[in-house]
Amino acid sequence: MYEDIVKRLASFGYTVKEPDDNWVLQFLIGKVTNEIKNECNVCKIPAGLHYVAVDMVCGEFLNSKKGTGQLEGFDVEAAVKQVKEGDTSITFAVGDNSITLDGFIYFLMNYGKSQFITFRRLKW
């Protein structure tokens, strides 16, 4: 799972810094794994939830980096919508049909949780 997470983060433009990010990623893998296993009442993550878990870990990781001010060079919110040269006016594409960093992180952390019910086991 670790390699998939590193590749997924790279696809977003974040390069994992070894060894600094390694412990955090391993911790978050354990946290998300336990959350999924507890929610579904299973002993291991079902194969059908692997990519959901990868995105959840990526979301948790980016959220922790953003929260501690360590997320540098990763600016989803600064998408320029319009540049005007006369009297200099720059409009950023925040809000109208664009994605913010917080929205992106929320999406990663929560998308796919509705699939848990497919793999849920009854607890007796």
Foldseek 3Di string as FASTA:
>chain_A
DVVLLQVVVVVLVDHDDPPVCVVVLVVLLVVLQVVLCVLQVHDGDDPVCVVLSSLQSNLVSVVVCVVVVNDPPRFQFAAWDDFDDVVTDTDTPPDDPGAGPVRSSVCSNDPPPVVSVVRHDDDD
